[in-house]
């Protein structure tokens, strides 16, 4: 037989995690805007990536000021590129 006092102790955190999970599932991240140096800065590239499968990941690295920038694009069904991630890495100046 299960003691109800023990069940309530474990259900509280479980319900909290379930509610937080549902709340976070409804969150969306805004689209990243291209910056100078991005592949899509000034619009989509004139040439389409016709040989790469839809959903392929395209990495792009460049310098922006004193930072090294790593961007990740995903090829969309219409062969356009969608910017999905950008990371900045500061370069130490001596």
Foldseek 3Di string as FASTA:
>chain_A
DDDVVVVVVVVVVVVVVVVVVVVVVPDDDDFDDDDVQDCQVVHWDPDFPPPDDFQDKDWGWDDDVQWIKIWIWGQHPVRTTGTDDIDIDGDDDD
